Amino acid sequence: MYDYVLAHNPQLNPAQRQIVDLTHQKFPDAAGMQSAEEQGALLAFLVRLIGARHVVEVGTFTGFSALSMAQALPADGTLVACDISEEWTAYGREAWADAGVADRIDLRIAPALETLRAMPAEPHIDLAYLDADKGGYIAYWEELVPRLRPGGLIVADNVLYKGEVVNPAATGSALAIRAFNDHVQADARMEAVMLTVADGVTLARKR
């Protein structure tokens, strides 16, 4: 069934395929942190759908999701990519350059909260993709929502956390995601839907 889904979604372009395969080769134990292949197509679709020009990504890893969104941006669009690893993002930098979109991606190596808090306070973000440490999701959300323009989107990954969110005795990241999901649902500033895409994706639109 999964192969069928991939076959009926936009196919990865050579730059996307290269970074996906390279991530699995270089970081086999961490490759699960990479967004699923179908999420690349979904993120690009959403960027185009809302005409996004200013995108923020919290959690970049080796750059697949940033590449997918940057390729969907207009030539003068900008994606601010937040991560703390020079090692992982070095592969992203190379992939972005090879794909000709490096000029659209502003990679900031620092704790994401520092990067977000240094951004203008007024609403200016069109789309934000949240795929980082699960314990930080609520804090990231609270920095992003005020900076999101009306009609803008937050896309949050791993909201099902391997199915562990249904466990009332969840601990660690699963517990953090449970708290985040409840936080999102209760936020009157946003309207959100949870989808069973990959490890669970929430799409939230600012009212």
Protein backbone atom coordinates (compact mmCIF):
# COMPACT_ATOMS: atom_id res chain seq x y z
CA MET A 1 0.00 0.00 0.00
CA TYR A 2 2.79 2.43 0.83
CA ASP A 3 4.46 1.77 -2.53
CA TYR A 4 1.10 2.46 -4.17
CA VAL A 5 0.83 5.79 -2.35
CA LEU A 6 4.32 6.81 -3.43
CA ALA A 7 3.59 5.76 -7.02
CA HIS A 8 0.56 8.05 -7.09
CA ASN A 9 2.30 11.07 -5.60
CA PRO A 10 4.73 13.40 -7.37
CA GLN A 11 8.00 11.54 -7.83
CA LEU A 12 11.15 12.78 -6.15
CA ASN A 13 13.33 14.80 -8.45
CA PRO A 14 17.01 13.82 -8.75
CA ALA A 15 18.14 16.28 -6.06
CA GLN A 16 15.54 14.99 -3.60
CA ARG A 17 16.32 11.35 -4.36
CA GLN A 18 20.02 11.96 -3.88
CA ILE A 19 19.65 13.49 -0.41
CA VAL A 20 17.17 10.82 0.70
CA ASP A 21 19.49 8.02 -0.38
CA LEU A 22 22.59 9.73 0.96
CA THR A 23 20.96 10.23 4.36
CA HIS A 24 20.20 6.52 4.63
CA GLN A 25 23.77 5.69 3.62
CA LYS A 26 25.53 8.15 5.93
CA PHE A 27 23.21 8.04 8.93
CA PRO A 28 21.40 4.69 8.92
CA ASP A 29 20.62 4.89 12.63
CA ALA A 30 19.26 8.43 12.41
CA ALA A 31 17.62 8.33 8.98
CA GLY A 32 14.21 8.00 10.62
CA MET A 33 14.47 11.69 11.50
CA GLN A 34 14.17 12.52 7.81
CA SER A 35 10.71 13.53 6.67
CA ALA A 36 8.98 10.78 4.71
CA GLU A 37 9.11 10.94 0.93
CA GLU A 38 5.42 11.76 0.60
CA GLN A 39 5.86 14.64 3.04
CA GLY A 40 8.23 16.34 0.63
CA ALA A 41 5.48 16.44 -1.97
CA LEU A 42 2.91 17.58 0.61
CA LEU A 43 5.10 20.43 1.87
CA ALA A 44 5.83 21.64 -1.66
CA PHE A 45 2.11 21.45 -2.47
CA LEU A 46 1.23 23.56 0.58
CA VAL A 47 3.90 26.16 -0.22
CA ARG A 48 2.42 26.57 -3.69
CA LEU A 49 -1.18 26.36 -2.49
CA ILE A 50 -0.93 29.36 -0.15
CA GLY A 51 1.58 31.27 -2.28
CA ALA A 52 4.15 31.21 0.51
CA ARG A 53 7.13 33.51 0.23
CA HIS A 54 8.48 33.36 3.79
CA VAL A 55 8.88 29.87 5.28
CA VAL A 56 10.43 28.80 8.56
CA GLU A 57 11.62 25.28 9.30
CA VAL A 58 12.37 24.14 12.84
CA GLY A 59 14.54 21.04 12.53
CA THR A 60 16.38 20.59 9.23
CA PHE A 61 18.50 17.43 9.65
CA THR A 62 20.08 16.68 6.24
CA GLY A 63 17.88 19.07 4.30
CA PHE A 64 15.27 17.02 2.42
CA SER A 65 12.23 18.93 3.64
CA ALA A 66 13.95 22.30 3.24
CA LEU A 67 14.92 21.34 -0.31
CA SER A 68 11.34 20.31 -1.11
CA MET A 69 9.89 23.58 0.15
CA ALA A 70 12.61 25.80 -1.32
CA GLN A 71 12.05 24.32 -4.77
CA ALA A 72 8.37 25.28 -4.46
CA LEU A 73 9.10 28.87 -3.42
CA PRO A 74 9.21 31.71 -5.93
CA ALA A 75 12.68 32.88 -6.90
CA ASP A 76 12.58 35.68 -4.33
CA GLY A 77 11.17 33.49 -1.55
CA THR A 78 13.09 32.73 1.63
CA LEU A 79 13.23 29.73 3.93
CA VAL A 80 14.82 30.14 7.35
CA ALA A 81 16.13 26.72 8.39
CA CYS A 82 16.80 26.21 12.10
CA ASP A 83 19.10 23.46 13.33
CA ILE A 84 21.95 22.89 15.77
CA SER A 85 24.04 20.40 13.76
CA GLU A 86 26.73 21.55 11.37
CA GLU A 87 27.41 17.91 10.46
CA TRP A 88 23.90 17.01 9.33
CA THR A 89 23.10 20.29 7.64
CA ALA A 90 26.36 20.22 5.66
CA TYR A 91 24.73 17.57 3.47
CA GLY A 92 21.74 19.84 3.07
CA ARG A 93 23.89 22.78 2.04
CA GLU A 94 25.44 20.68 -0.71
CA ALA A 95 22.07 19.39 -1.91
CA TRP A 96 20.57 22.89 -1.96
CA ALA A 97 23.51 24.23 -3.96
CA ASP A 98 23.32 21.37 -6.45
CA ALA A 99 19.59 22.00 -6.89
CA GLY A 100 20.11 25.73 -7.42
CA VAL A 101 18.08 26.88 -4.41
CA ALA A 102 20.82 27.67 -1.90
CA ASP A 103 20.08 31.39 -2.29
CA ARG A 104 16.54 30.80 -0.99
CA ILE A 105 17.62 29.05 2.23
CA ASP A 106 18.97 30.92 5.23
CA LEU A 107 20.44 28.23 7.50
CA ARG A 108 20.87 29.33 11.11
CA ILE A 109 22.89 27.05 13.37
CA ALA A 110 21.66 27.87 16.86
CA PRO A 111 18.98 26.75 19.31
CA ALA A 112 15.72 27.29 17.41
CA LEU A 113 14.12 29.32 20.19
CA GLU A 114 16.94 31.85 19.93
CA THR A 115 16.45 32.09 16.17
CA LEU A 116 12.67 32.43 16.43
CA ARG A 117 12.82 35.04 19.18
CA ALA A 118 15.24 37.12 17.11
CA MET A 119 12.73 37.33 14.25
CA PRO A 120 10.42 40.33 13.81
CA ALA A 121 7.50 40.09 16.22
CA GLU A 122 4.85 41.12 13.71
CA PRO A 123 3.00 38.53 11.57
CA HIS A 124 5.17 37.79 8.54
CA ILE A 125 5.58 34.01 8.26
CA ASP A 126 3.48 32.26 5.61
CA LEU A 127 4.29 28.66 6.53
CA ALA A 128 6.26 26.99 9.30
CA TYR A 129 7.30 23.35 9.40
CA LEU A 130 7.90 21.94 12.86
CA ASP A 131 10.01 18.78 12.99
CA ALA A 132 12.49 19.02 15.84
CA ASP A 133 12.85 17.93 19.47
CA LYS A 134 9.38 17.00 20.66
CA GLY A 135 9.81 18.51 24.10
CA GLY A 136 10.24 21.91 22.46
CA TYR A 137 7.13 21.81 20.27
CA ILE A 138 4.90 23.91 22.52
CA ALA A 139 7.57 26.58 22.99
CA TYR A 140 8.22 26.70 19.23
CA TRP A 141 4.48 26.90 18.58
CA GLU A 142 4.15 29.85 20.93
CA GLU A 143 6.92 31.73 19.15
CA LEU A 144 5.55 30.92 15.69
CA VAL A 145 1.83 31.62 16.07
CA PRO A 146 2.16 35.39 16.76
CA ARG A 147 4.57 35.70 13.82
CA LEU A 148 2.27 33.81 11.44
CA ARG A 149 0.20 35.92 9.08
CA PRO A 150 -3.58 35.37 9.01
CA GLY A 151 -4.25 32.35 6.81
CA GLY A 152 -0.70 31.11 7.31
CA LEU A 153 0.06 27.51 8.16
CA ILE A 154 1.99 25.57 10.76
CA VAL A 155 2.74 21.99 9.74
CA ALA A 156 3.77 19.80 12.67
CA ASP A 157 5.34 16.38 12.11
CA ASN A 158 5.33 13.24 14.29
CA VAL A 159 2.05 14.09 16.02
CA LEU A 160 1.21 10.38 16.36
CA TYR A 161 4.72 9.53 17.56
CA LYS A 162 4.84 5.89 16.46
CA GLY A 163 1.36 5.34 17.85
CA GLU A 164 2.54 5.96 21.40
CA VAL A 165 0.36 9.06 21.83
CA VAL A 166 -2.63 6.84 22.58
CA ASN A 167 -0.88 5.41 25.62
CA PRO A 168 -2.07 7.21 28.78
CA ALA A 169 1.20 6.15 30.43
CA ALA A 170 3.34 7.68 27.69
CA THR A 171 6.64 9.20 28.75
CA GLY A 172 9.40 11.24 27.14
CA SER A 173 8.78 12.45 23.59
CA ALA A 174 5.43 10.65 23.33
CA LEU A 175 4.19 12.46 26.43
CA ALA A 176 5.46 15.76 25.04
CA ILE A 177 3.58 15.17 21.81
CA ARG A 178 0.40 14.32 23.73
CA ALA A 179 0.71 17.66 25.52
CA PHE A 180 1.42 19.46 22.25
CA ASN A 181 -1.61 17.93 20.52
CA ASP A 182 -3.85 19.04 23.38
CA HIS A 183 -2.27 22.51 23.28
CA VAL A 184 -2.97 22.85 19.56
CA GLN A 185 -6.55 21.67 19.92
CA ALA A 186 -7.21 24.26 22.64
CA ASP A 187 -5.63 27.20 20.79
CA ALA A 188 -8.46 29.48 19.63
CA ARG A 189 -6.06 31.44 17.43
CA MET A 190 -5.72 28.48 15.09
CA GLU A 191 -7.86 25.87 13.35
CA ALA A 192 -6.19 22.50 12.97
CA VAL A 193 -6.64 19.08 11.43
CA MET A 194 -4.60 15.99 12.28
CA LEU A 195 -3.79 13.65 9.39
CA THR A 196 -2.49 10.10 9.36
CA VAL A 197 0.32 10.95 6.96
CA ALA A 198 3.60 9.20 7.76
CA ASP A 199 4.03 9.48 11.57
CA GLY A 200 1.12 11.90 11.81
CA VAL A 201 0.96 15.48 10.54
CA THR A 202 -1.08 18.35 11.90
CA LEU A 203 -1.99 21.22 9.62
CA ALA A 204 -2.93 24.36 11.53
CA ARG A 205 -4.19 27.57 9.95
CA LYS A 206 -4.17 30.94 11.66
CA ARG A 207 -7.63 32.45 11.88
